[in-house]
């Protein structure tokens, strides 16, 4: 359940933040703020489904997923292709998230 929860959370968080970005930076209609707020609430709810014994650990591991998903958004929605440095950074963050999620605990 962890990976699907992370992916839903990432889409909801990025979409919610983008809604605010669109209003402030590009003069989008105010209704975008309502959609953005609802999306950010969905993000927080999605993270409650992550299989972790502590919220902080779940949030830390989510950071790697968020970074990779943000680069996918950059390409798919904003039309900017990530470069090799973006890809390398995302891979490092995903590796860090995997250590947090799958590391042995005593």
PDB file of N, CA and C in Angstrom:
ATOM      1  N   UNK A   1       0.815  -1.203   0.000  1.00  0.00           N
ATOM      2  CA  UNK A   1       0.000   0.000   0.000  1.00  0.00           C
ATOM      3  C   UNK A   1       0.855   1.261   0.000  1.00  0.00           C
ATOM      4  N   UNK A   2       2.124   1.152   0.368  1.00  0.00           N
ATOM      5  CA  UNK A   2       2.964   2.332   0.504  1.00  0.00           C
ATOM      6  C   UNK A   2       3.201   3.039  -0.826  1.00  0.00           C
ATOM      7  N   UNK A   3       3.620   2.322  -1.860  1.00  0.00           N
ATOM      8  CA  UNK A   3       3.914   2.975  -3.136  1.00  0.00           C
ATOM      9  C   UNK A   3       2.686   3.645  -3.738  1.00  0.00           C
ATOM     10  N   UNK A   4       1.521   2.969  -3.807  1.00  0.00           N
ATOM     11  CA  UNK A   4       0.339   3.675  -4.329  1.00  0.00           C
ATOM     12  C   UNK A   4      -0.018   4.916  -3.509  1.00  0.00           C
ATOM     13  N   UNK A   5       0.108   4.826  -2.186  1.00  0.00           N
ATOM     14  CA  UNK A   5      -0.191   5.991  -1.347  1.00  0.00           C
ATOM     15  C   UNK A   5       0.767   7.129  -1.654  1.00  0.00           C
ATOM     16  N   UNK A   6       2.057   6.808  -1.804  1.00  0.00           N
ATOM     17  CA  UNK A   6       3.038   7.835  -2.158  1.00  0.00           C
ATOM     18  C   UNK A   6       2.716   8.468  -3.513  1.00  0.00           C
ATOM     19  N   UNK A   7       2.339   7.656  -4.487  1.00  0.00           N
ATOM     20  CA  UNK A   7       2.062   8.188  -5.827  1.00  0.00           C
ATOM     21  C   UNK A   7       0.816   9.078  -5.832  1.00  0.00           C
ATOM     22  N   UNK A   8      -0.225   8.659  -5.128  1.00  0.00           N
ATOM     23  CA  UNK A   8      -1.426   9.494  -5.025  1.00  0.00           C
ATOM     24  C   UNK A   8      -1.091  10.793  -4.290  1.00  0.00           C
ATOM     25  N   UNK A   9      -0.327  10.675  -3.217  1.00  0.00           N
ATOM     26  CA  UNK A   9       0.059  11.867  -2.450  1.00  0.00           C
ATOM     27  C   UNK A   9       0.855  12.830  -3.320  1.00  0.00           C
ATOM     28  N   UNK A  10       1.784  12.304  -4.096  1.00  0.00           N
ATOM     29  CA  UNK A  10       2.617  13.165  -4.945  1.00  0.00           C
ATOM     30  C   UNK A  10       1.769  13.902  -5.977  1.00  0.00           C
ATOM     31  N   UNK A  11       0.889  13.189  -6.647  1.00  0.00           N
ATOM     32  CA  UNK A  11       0.036  13.831  -7.647  1.00  0.00           C
ATOM     33  C   UNK A  11      -0.833  14.905  -7.002  1.00  0.00           C
ATOM     34  N   UNK A  12      -1.405  14.589  -5.833  1.00  0.00           N
ATOM     35  CA  UNK A  12      -2.259  15.562  -5.149  1.00  0.00           C
ATOM     36  C   UNK A  12      -1.467  16.773  -4.668  1.00  0.00           C
ATOM     37  N   UNK A  13      -0.284  16.544  -4.113  1.00  0.00           N
ATOM     38  CA  UNK A  13       0.506  17.669  -3.614  1.00  0.00           C
ATOM     39  C   UNK A  13       0.992  18.559  -4.752  1.00  0.00           C
ATOM     40  N   UNK A  14       1.508  17.941  -5.785  1.00  0.00           N
ATOM     41  CA  UNK A  14       2.016  18.733  -6.910  1.00  0.00           C
ATOM     42  C   UNK A  14       0.877  19.494  -7.582  1.00  0.00           C
ATOM     43  N   UNK A  15      -0.249  18.823  -7.768  1.00  0.00           N
ATOM     44  CA  UNK A  15      -1.404  19.498  -8.365  1.00  0.00           C
ATOM     45  C   UNK A  15      -1.891  20.657  -7.518  1.00  0.00           C
ATOM     46  N   UNK A  16      -1.935  20.460  -6.201  1.00  0.00           N
ATOM     47  CA  UNK A  16      -2.372  21.527  -5.303  1.00  0.00           C
ATOM     48  C   UNK A  16      -1.423  22.708  -5.304  1.00  0.00           C
ATOM     49  N   UNK A  17      -0.145  22.415  -5.240  1.00  0.00           N
ATOM     50  CA  UNK A  17       0.841  23.503  -5.270  1.00  0.00           C
ATOM     51  C   UNK A  17       0.838  24.215  -6.615  1.00  0.00           C
ATOM     52  N   UNK A  18       0.668  23.452  -7.693  1.00  0.00           N
ATOM     53  CA  UNK A  18       0.622  24.062  -9.023  1.00  0.00           C
ATOM     54  C   UNK A  18      -0.573  25.005  -9.143  1.00  0.00           C
ATOM     55  N   UNK A  19      -1.700  24.643  -8.530  1.00  0.00           N
ATOM     56  CA  UNK A  19      -2.876  25.517  -8.583  1.00  0.00           C
ATOM     57  C   UNK A  19      -2.555  26.889  -7.980  1.00  0.00           C
ATOM     58  N   UNK A  20      -1.890  26.897  -6.819  1.00  0.00           N
ATOM     59  CA  UNK A  20      -1.517  28.170  -6.204  1.00  0.00           C
ATOM     60  C   UNK A  20      -0.488  28.912  -7.057  1.00  0.00           C
ATOM     61  N   UNK A  21       0.476  28.182  -7.594  1.00  0.00           N
ATOM     62  CA  UNK A  21       1.494  28.763  -8.489  1.00  0.00           C
ATOM     63  C   UNK A  21       0.800  29.434  -9.681  1.00  0.00           C
ATOM     64  N   UNK A  22      -0.174  28.732 -10.238  1.00  0.00           N
ATOM     65  CA  UNK A  22      -0.877  29.250 -11.418  1.00  0.00           C
ATOM     66  C   UNK A  22      -1.608  30.567 -11.106  1.00  0.00           C
ATOM     67  N   UNK A  23      -2.228  30.629  -9.944  1.00  0.00           N
ATOM     68  CA  UNK A  23      -2.946  31.855  -9.574  1.00  0.00           C
ATOM     69  C   UNK A  23      -1.975  33.001  -9.319  1.00  0.00           C
ATOM     70  N   UNK A  24      -0.958  32.744  -8.520  1.00  0.00           N
ATOM     71  CA  UNK A  24      -0.042  33.813  -8.114  1.00  0.00           C
ATOM     72  C   UNK A  24       0.877  34.237  -9.254  1.00  0.00           C
ATOM     73  N   UNK A  25       1.422  33.284  -9.983  1.00  0.00           N
ATOM     74  CA  UNK A  25       2.427  33.606 -11.000  1.00  0.00           C
ATOM     75  C   UNK A  25       1.851  33.907 -12.376  1.00  0.00           C
ATOM     76  N   UNK A  26       0.654  33.344 -12.651  1.00  0.00           N
ATOM     77  CA  UNK A  26       0.106  33.496 -14.002  1.00  0.00           C
ATOM     78  C   UNK A  26      -1.284  34.124 -14.020  1.00  0.00           C
ATOM     79  N   UNK A  27      -1.759  34.600 -12.879  1.00  0.00           N
ATOM     80  CA  UNK A  27      -3.044  35.273 -12.831  1.00  0.00           C
ATOM     81  C   UNK A  27      -4.234  34.362 -13.071  1.00  0.00           C
ATOM     82  N   UNK A  28      -4.126  33.096 -12.674  1.00  0.00           N
ATOM     83  CA  UNK A  28      -5.225  32.152 -12.850  1.00  0.00           C
ATOM     84  C   UNK A  28      -6.457  32.572 -12.066  1.00  0.00           C
ATOM     85  N   UNK A  29      -7.591  32.034 -12.461  1.00  0.00           N
ATOM     86  CA  UNK A  29      -8.858  32.341 -11.796  1.00  0.00           C
ATOM     87  C   UNK A  29      -8.825  31.884 -10.339  1.00  0.00           C
ATOM     88  N   UNK A  30      -9.515  32.618  -9.468  1.00  0.00           N
ATOM     89  CA  UNK A  30      -9.512  32.287  -8.038  1.00  0.00           C
ATOM     90  C   UNK A  30     -10.034  30.886  -7.714  1.00  0.00           C
ATOM     91  N   UNK A  31     -10.894  30.321  -8.551  1.00  0.00           N
ATOM     92  CA  UNK A  31     -11.403  28.972  -8.267  1.00  0.00           C
ATOM     93  C   UNK A  31     -10.284  27.942  -8.239  1.00  0.00           C
ATOM     94  N   UNK A  32      -9.140  28.249  -8.866  1.00  0.00           N
ATOM     95  CA  UNK A  32      -7.988  27.345  -8.796  1.00  0.00           C
ATOM     96  C   UNK A  32      -7.548  27.156  -7.338  1.00  0.00           C
ATOM     97  N   UNK A  33      -7.730  28.193  -6.508  1.00  0.00           N
ATOM     98  CA  UNK A  33      -7.324  28.097  -5.102  1.00  0.00           C
ATOM     99  C   UNK A  33      -8.163  27.062  -4.352  1.00  0.00           C
ATOM    100  N   UNK A  34      -9.453  27.002  -4.656  1.00  0.00           N
ATOM    101  CA  UNK A  34     -10.311  25.993  -4.018  1.00  0.00           C
ATOM    102  C   UNK A  34      -9.886  24.595  -4.442  1.00  0.00           C
ATOM    103  N   UNK A  35      -9.629  24.433  -5.730  1.00  0.00           N
ATOM    104  CA  UNK A  35      -9.168  23.130  -6.220  1.00  0.00           C
ATOM    105  C   UNK A  35      -7.817  22.768  -5.613  1.00  0.00           C
ATOM    106  N   UNK A  36      -6.933  23.752  -5.503  1.00  0.00           N
ATOM    107  CA  UNK A  36      -5.625  23.514  -4.911  1.00  0.00           C
ATOM    108  C   UNK A  36      -5.715  23.126  -3.447  1.00  0.00           C
ATOM    109  N   UNK A  37      -6.579  23.776  -2.709  1.00  0.00           N
ATOM    110  CA  UNK A  37      -6.768  23.451  -1.297  1.00  0.00           C
ATOM    111  C   UNK A  37      -7.312  22.037  -1.132  1.00  0.00           C
ATOM    112  N   UNK A  38      -8.296  21.672  -1.938  1.00  0.00           N
ATOM    113  CA  UNK A  38      -8.847  20.311  -1.879  1.00  0.00           C
ATOM    114  C   UNK A  38      -7.775  19.286  -2.237  1.00  0.00           C
ATOM    115  N   UNK A  39      -6.965  19.594  -3.213  1.00  0.00           N
ATOM    116  CA  UNK A  39      -5.905  18.681  -3.623  1.00  0.00           C
ATOM    117  C   UNK A  39      -4.866  18.505  -2.519  1.00  0.00           C
ATOM    118  N   UNK A  40      -4.520  19.585  -1.840  1.00  0.00           N
ATOM    119  CA  UNK A  40      -3.555  19.487  -0.739  1.00  0.00           C
ATOM    120  C   UNK A  40      -4.136  18.701   0.447  1.00  0.00           C
ATOM    121  N   UNK A  41      -5.431  18.808   0.668  1.00  0.00           N
ATOM    122  CA  UNK A  41      -6.063  17.987   1.712  1.00  0.00           C
ATOM    123  C   UNK A  41      -6.019  16.509   1.317  1.00  0.00           C
ATOM    124  N   UNK A  42      -6.241  16.224   0.042  1.00  0.00           N
ATOM    125  CA  UNK A  42      -6.157  14.840  -0.441  1.00  0.00           C
ATOM    126  C   UNK A  42      -4.735  14.298  -0.288  1.00  0.00           C
ATOM    127  N   UNK A  43      -3.746  15.144  -0.512  1.00  0.00           N
ATOM    128  CA  UNK A  43      -2.344  14.767  -0.313  1.00  0.00           C
ATOM    129  C   UNK A  43      -2.108  14.322   1.127  1.00  0.00           C
ATOM    130  N   UNK A  44      -2.539  15.124   2.066  1.00  0.00           N
ATOM    131  CA  UNK A  44      -2.327  14.793   3.483  1.00  0.00           C
ATOM    132  C   UNK A  44      -3.047  13.499   3.854  1.00  0.00           C
ATOM    133  N   UNK A  45      -4.250  13.326   3.348  1.00  0.00           N
ATOM    134  CA  UNK A  45      -5.013  12.104   3.626  1.00  0.00           C
ATOM    135  C   UNK A  45      -4.320  10.881   3.030  1.00  0.00           C
ATOM    136  N   UNK A  46      -3.811  11.001   1.822  1.00  0.00           N
ATOM    137  CA  UNK A  46      -3.143   9.871   1.156  1.00  0.00           C
ATOM    138  C   UNK A  46      -1.940   9.389   1.968  1.00  0.00           C
ATOM    139  N   UNK A  47      -1.219  10.304   2.579  1.00  0.00           N
ATOM    140  CA  UNK A  47      -0.045   9.900   3.361  1.00  0.00           C
ATOM    141  C   UNK A  47      -0.408   9.082   4.594  1.00  0.00           C
ATOM    142  N   UNK A  48      -1.664   9.160   5.042  1.00  0.00           N
ATOM    143  CA  UNK A  48      -2.055   8.355   6.201  1.00  0.00           C
ATOM    144  C   UNK A  48      -2.109   6.865   5.865  1.00  0.00           C
ATOM    145  N   UNK A  49      -2.072   6.510   4.589  1.00  0.00           N
ATOM    146  CA  UNK A  49      -2.120   5.109   4.168  1.00  0.00           C
ATOM    147  C   UNK A  49      -0.732   4.487   4.001  1.00  0.00           C
ATOM    148  N   UNK A  50       0.302   5.262   4.240  1.00  0.00           N
ATOM    149  CA  UNK A  50       1.668   4.745   4.139  1.00  0.00           C
ATOM    150  C   UNK A  50       1.927   3.821   5.321  1.00  0.00           C
ATOM    151  N   UNK A  51       2.505   2.675   5.025  1.00  0.00           N
ATOM    152  CA  UNK A  51       2.794   1.682   6.062  1.00  0.00           C
ATOM    153  C   UNK A  51       4.121   2.034   6.751  1.00  0.00           C
ATOM    154  N   UNK A  52       4.004   2.819   7.796  1.00  0.00           N
ATOM    155  CA  UNK A  52       5.179   3.215   8.587  1.00  0.00           C
ATOM    156  C   UNK A  52       4.731   3.376  10.026  1.00  0.00           C
ATOM    157  N   UNK A  53       5.630   3.093  10.954  1.00  0.00           N
ATOM    158  CA  UNK A  53       5.276   3.195  12.366  1.00  0.00           C
ATOM    159  C   UNK A  53       5.352   4.627  12.877  1.00  0.00           C
ATOM    160  N   UNK A  54       5.963   5.513  12.110  1.00  0.00           N
ATOM    161  CA  UNK A  54       6.103   6.908  12.534  1.00  0.00           C
ATOM    162  C   UNK A  54       5.854   7.840  11.345  1.00  0.00           C
ATOM    163  N   UNK A  55       5.103   8.878  11.587  1.00  0.00           N
ATOM    164  CA  UNK A  55       4.768   9.820  10.518  1.00  0.00           C
ATOM    165  C   UNK A  55       6.016  10.461   9.915  1.00  0.00           C
ATOM    166  N   UNK A  56       6.948  10.846  10.766  1.00  0.00           N
ATOM    167  CA  UNK A  56       8.162  11.501  10.262  1.00  0.00           C
ATOM    168  C   UNK A  56       8.933  10.634   9.287  1.00  0.00           C
ATOM    169  N   UNK A  57       9.000   9.334   9.560  1.00  0.00           N
ATOM    170  CA  UNK A  57       9.703   8.427   8.647  1.00  0.00           C
ATOM    171  C   UNK A  57       8.946   8.323   7.325  1.00  0.00           C
ATOM    172  N   UNK A  58       7.638   8.261   7.383  1.00  0.00           N
ATOM    173  CA  UNK A  58       6.832   8.203   6.155  1.00  0.00           C
ATOM    174  C   UNK A  58       7.033   9.476   5.336  1.00  0.00           C
ATOM    175  N   UNK A  59       7.035  10.615   6.007  1.00  0.00           N
ATOM    176  CA  UNK A  59       7.207  11.888   5.298  1.00  0.00           C
ATOM    177  C   UNK A  59       8.598  11.991   4.678  1.00  0.00           C
ATOM    178  N   UNK A  60       9.610  11.524   5.394  1.00  0.00           N
ATOM    179  CA  UNK A  60      10.978  11.575   4.882  1.00  0.00           C
ATOM    180  C   UNK A  60      11.123  10.698   3.643  1.00  0.00           C
ATOM    181  N   UNK A  61      10.588   9.492   3.701  1.00  0.00           N
ATOM    182  CA  UNK A  61      10.671   8.592   2.549  1.00  0.00           C
ATOM    183  C   UNK A  61       9.891   9.153   1.371  1.00  0.00           C
ATOM    184  N   UNK A  62       8.773   9.801   1.642  1.00  0.00           N
ATOM    185  CA  UNK A  62       7.949  10.394   0.591  1.00  0.00           C
ATOM    186  C   UNK A  62       8.717  11.452  -0.205  1.00  0.00           C
ATOM    187  N   UNK A  63       9.672  12.097   0.436  1.00  0.00           N
ATOM    188  CA  UNK A  63      10.427  13.156  -0.238  1.00  0.00           C
ATOM    189  C   UNK A  63      11.060  12.692  -1.542  1.00  0.00           C
ATOM    190  N   UNK A  64      11.605  11.491  -1.571  1.00  0.00           N
ATOM    191  CA  UNK A  64      12.205  10.972  -2.805  1.00  0.00           C
ATOM    192  C   UNK A  64      11.175  10.785  -3.903  1.00  0.00           C
ATOM    193  N   UNK A  65      10.006  10.276  -3.530  1.00  0.00           N
ATOM    194  CA  UNK A  65       8.927  10.090  -4.497  1.00  0.00           C
ATOM    195  C   UNK A  65       8.458  11.447  -5.025  1.00  0.00           C
ATOM    196  N   UNK A  66       8.339  12.406  -4.127  1.00  0.00           N
ATOM    197  CA  UNK A  66       7.900  13.747  -4.517  1.00  0.00           C
ATOM    198  C   UNK A  66       8.843  14.357  -5.551  1.00  0.00           C
ATOM    199  N   UNK A  67      10.121  14.212  -5.337  1.00  0.00           N
ATOM    200  CA  UNK A  67      11.098  14.786  -6.265  1.00  0.00           C
ATOM    201  C   UNK A  67      10.983  14.151  -7.637  1.00  0.00           C
ATOM    202  N   UNK A  68      10.912  12.831  -7.696  1.00  0.00           N
ATOM    203  CA  UNK A  68      10.778  12.142  -8.987  1.00  0.00           C
ATOM    204  C   UNK A  68       9.456  12.523  -9.669  1.00  0.00           C
ATOM    205  N   UNK A  69       8.377  12.572  -8.902  1.00  0.00           N
ATOM    206  CA  UNK A  69       7.077  12.933  -9.463  1.00  0.00           C
ATOM    207  C   UNK A  69       7.068  14.382  -9.951  1.00  0.00           C
ATOM    208  N   UNK A  70       7.770  15.264  -9.253  1.00  0.00           N
ATOM    209  CA  UNK A  70       7.848  16.663  -9.685  1.00  0.00           C
ATOM    210  C   UNK A  70       8.537  16.784 -11.033  1.00  0.00           C
ATOM    211  N   UNK A  71       9.555  15.983 -11.251  1.00  0.00           N
ATOM    212  CA  UNK A  71      10.235  16.006 -12.546  1.00  0.00           C
ATOM    213  C   UNK A  71       9.349  15.418 -13.645  1.00  0.00           C
ATOM    214  N   UNK A  72       8.557  14.411 -13.306  1.00  0.00           N
ATOM    215  CA  UNK A  72       7.594  13.874 -14.280  1.00  0.00           C
ATOM    216  C   UNK A  72       6.555  14.947 -14.625  1.00  0.00           C
ATOM    217  N   UNK A  73       6.097  15.701 -13.631  1.00  0.00           N
ATOM    218  CA  UNK A  73       5.154  16.801 -13.847  1.00  0.00           C
ATOM    219  C   UNK A  73       5.796  17.866 -14.746  1.00  0.00           C
ATOM    220  N   UNK A  74       7.045  18.198 -14.446  1.00  0.00           N
ATOM    221  CA  UNK A  74       7.780  19.181 -15.238  1.00  0.00           C
ATOM    222  C   UNK A  74       7.716  18.841 -16.714  1.00  0.00           C
ATOM    223  N   UNK A  75       7.912  17.559 -17.015  1.00  0.00           N
ATOM    224  CA  UNK A  75       7.937  17.104 -18.397  1.00  0.00           C
ATOM    225  C   UNK A  75       6.527  16.981 -18.977  1.00  0.00           C
ATOM    226  N   UNK A  76       5.629  16.304 -18.264  1.00  0.00           N
ATOM    227  CA  UNK A  76       4.301  16.005 -18.795  1.00  0.00           C
ATOM    228  C   UNK A  76       3.382  17.219 -18.859  1.00  0.00           C
ATOM    229  N   UNK A  77       3.431  18.077 -17.852  1.00  0.00           N
ATOM    230  CA  UNK A  77       2.485  19.194 -17.772  1.00  0.00           C
ATOM    231  C   UNK A  77       3.092  20.497 -18.268  1.00  0.00           C
ATOM    232  N   UNK A  78       4.350  20.745 -17.893  1.00  0.00           N
ATOM    233  CA  UNK A  78       4.962  22.022 -18.246  1.00  0.00           C
ATOM    234  C   UNK A  78       5.774  21.963 -19.535  1.00  0.00           C
ATOM    235  N   UNK A  79       5.959  20.770 -20.073  1.00  0.00           N
ATOM    236  CA  UNK A  79       6.651  20.631 -21.345  1.00  0.00           C
ATOM    237  C   UNK A  79       8.146  20.872 -21.309  1.00  0.00           C
ATOM    238  N   UNK A  80       8.748  20.774 -20.131  1.00  0.00           N
ATOM    239  CA  UNK A  80      10.189  20.966 -19.986  1.00  0.00           C
ATOM    240  C   UNK A  80      10.814  19.603 -19.690  1.00  0.00           C
ATOM    241  N   UNK A  81      11.680  19.153 -20.568  1.00  0.00           N
ATOM    242  CA  UNK A  81      12.291  17.836 -20.395  1.00  0.00           C
ATOM    243  C   UNK A  81      13.397  17.903 -19.342  1.00  0.00           C
ATOM    244  N   UNK A  82      13.309  17.045 -18.321  1.00  0.00           N
ATOM    245  CA  UNK A  82      14.385  17.013 -17.322  1.00  0.00           C
ATOM    246  C   UNK A  82      15.713  16.630 -17.967  1.00  0.00           C
ATOM    247  N   UNK A  83      16.799  17.200 -17.463  1.00  0.00           N
ATOM    248  CA  UNK A  83      18.113  16.867 -18.011  1.00  0.00           C
ATOM    249  C   UNK A  83      18.763  15.759 -17.187  1.00  0.00           C
ATOM    250  N   UNK A  84      19.978  15.411 -17.542  1.00  0.00           N
ATOM    251  CA  UNK A  84      20.650  14.296 -16.862  1.00  0.00           C
ATOM    252  C   UNK A  84      20.908  14.594 -15.397  1.00  0.00           C
ATOM    253  N   UNK A  85      21.080  15.841 -15.049  1.00  0.00           N
ATOM    254  CA  UNK A  85      21.304  16.206 -13.656  1.00  0.00           C
ATOM    255  C   UNK A  85      20.020  16.051 -12.851  1.00  0.00           C
ATOM    256  N   UNK A  86      18.904  16.394 -13.462  1.00  0.00           N
ATOM    257  CA  UNK A  86      17.609  16.156 -12.811  1.00  0.00           C
ATOM    258  C   UNK A  86      17.430  14.667 -12.554  1.00  0.00           C
ATOM    259  N   UNK A  87      17.704  13.857 -13.576  1.00  0.00           N
ATOM    260  CA  UNK A  87      17.539  12.407 -13.455  1.00  0.00           C
ATOM    261  C   UNK A  87      18.477  11.834 -12.391  1.00  0.00           C
ATOM    262  N   UNK A  88      19.719  12.268 -12.394  1.00  0.00           N
ATOM    263  CA  UNK A  88      20.680  11.768 -11.404  1.00  0.00           C
ATOM    264  C   UNK A  88      20.244  12.141  -9.988  1.00  0.00           C
ATOM    265  N   UNK A  89      19.812  13.363  -9.802  1.00  0.00           N
ATOM    266  CA  UNK A  89      19.353  13.795  -8.486  1.00  0.00           C
ATOM    267  C   UNK A  89      18.134  13.013  -8.021  1.00  0.00           C
ATOM    268  N   UNK A  90      17.193  12.790  -8.943  1.00  0.00           N
ATOM    269  CA  UNK A  90      15.995  12.030  -8.586  1.00  0.00           C
ATOM    270  C   UNK A  90      16.346  10.597  -8.207  1.00  0.00           C
ATOM    271  N   UNK A  91      17.268   9.990  -8.941  1.00  0.00           N
ATOM    272  CA  UNK A  91      17.676   8.620  -8.616  1.00  0.00           C
ATOM    273  C   UNK A  91      18.326   8.546  -7.234  1.00  0.00           C
ATOM    274  N   UNK A  92      19.136   9.531  -6.912  1.00  0.00           N
ATOM    275  CA  UNK A  92      19.749   9.552  -5.576  1.00  0.00           C
ATOM    276  C   UNK A  92      18.684   9.689  -4.490  1.00  0.00           C
ATOM    277  N   UNK A  93      17.699  10.537  -4.738  1.00  0.00           N
ATOM    278  CA  UNK A  93      16.633  10.729  -3.750  1.00  0.00           C
ATOM    279  C   UNK A  93      15.787   9.470  -3.596  1.00  0.00           C
ATOM    280  N   UNK A  94      15.509   8.788  -4.711  1.00  0.00           N
ATOM    281  CA  UNK A  94      14.758   7.535  -4.632  1.00  0.00           C
ATOM    282  C   UNK A  94      15.546   6.468  -3.880  1.00  0.00           C
ATOM    283  N   UNK A  95      16.849   6.451  -4.087  1.00  0.00           N
ATOM    284  CA  UNK A  95      17.687   5.502  -3.341  1.00  0.00           C
ATOM    285  C   UNK A  95      17.615   5.808  -1.845  1.00  0.00           C
ATOM    286  N   UNK A  96      17.674   7.061  -1.490  1.00  0.00           N
ATOM    287  CA  UNK A  96      17.546   7.456  -0.086  1.00  0.00           C
ATOM    288  C   UNK A  96      16.196   7.077   0.493  1.00  0.00           C
ATOM    289  N   UNK A  97      15.134   7.276  -0.276  1.00  0.00           N
ATOM    290  CA  UNK A  97      13.802   6.883   0.178  1.00  0.00           C
ATOM    291  C   UNK A  97      13.717   5.387   0.396  1.00  0.00           C
ATOM    292  N   UNK A  98      14.342   4.606  -0.486  1.00  0.00           N
ATOM    293  CA  UNK A  98      14.335   3.143  -0.357  1.00  0.00           C
ATOM    294  C   UNK A  98      15.073   2.716   0.914  1.00  0.00           C
ATOM    295  N   UNK A  99      16.158   3.377   1.238  1.00  0.00           N
ATOM    296  CA  UNK A  99      16.893   3.049   2.469  1.00  0.00           C
ATOM    297  C   UNK A  99      15.989   3.324   3.679  1.00  0.00           C
ATOM    298  N   UNK A 100      15.287   4.425   3.665  1.00  0.00           N
ATOM    299  CA  UNK A 100      14.393   4.765   4.783  1.00  0.00           C
ATOM    300  C   UNK A 100      13.259   3.750   4.910  1.00  0.00           C
ATOM    301  N   UNK A 101      12.655   3.391   3.783  1.00  0.00           N
ATOM    302  CA  UNK A 101      11.506   2.481   3.809  1.00  0.00           C
ATOM    303  C   UNK A 101      11.904   1.045   4.127  1.00  0.00           C
ATOM    304  N   UNK A 102      12.968   0.570   3.487  1.00  0.00           N
ATOM    305  CA  UNK A 102      13.298  -0.847   3.570  1.00  0.00           C
ATOM    306  C   UNK A 102      14.450  -1.180   4.517  1.00  0.00           C
ATOM    307  N   UNK A 103      15.059  -0.171   5.124  1.00  0.00           N
ATOM    308  CA  UNK A 103      16.160  -0.426   6.036  1.00  0.00           C
ATOM    309  C   UNK A 103      15.734  -1.269   7.222  1.00  0.00           C
ATOM    310  N   UNK A 104      16.606  -2.193   7.654  1.00  0.00           N
ATOM    311  CA  UNK A 104      16.254  -3.040   8.798  1.00  0.00           C
ATOM    312  C   UNK A 104      16.150  -2.215  10.080  1.00  0.00           C
ATOM    313  N   UNK A 105      15.159  -2.488  10.823  1.00  0.00           N
ATOM    314  CA  UNK A 105      14.950  -1.788  12.097  1.00  0.00           C
ATOM    315  C   UNK A 105      15.074  -2.814  13.226  1.00  0.00           C
ATOM    316  N   UNK A 106      15.715  -2.440  14.306  1.00  0.00           N
ATOM    317  CA  UNK A 106      15.943  -3.366  15.409  1.00  0.00           C
ATOM    318  C   UNK A 106      14.881  -3.430  16.432  1.00  0.00           C
TER     319      UNK A 106
END
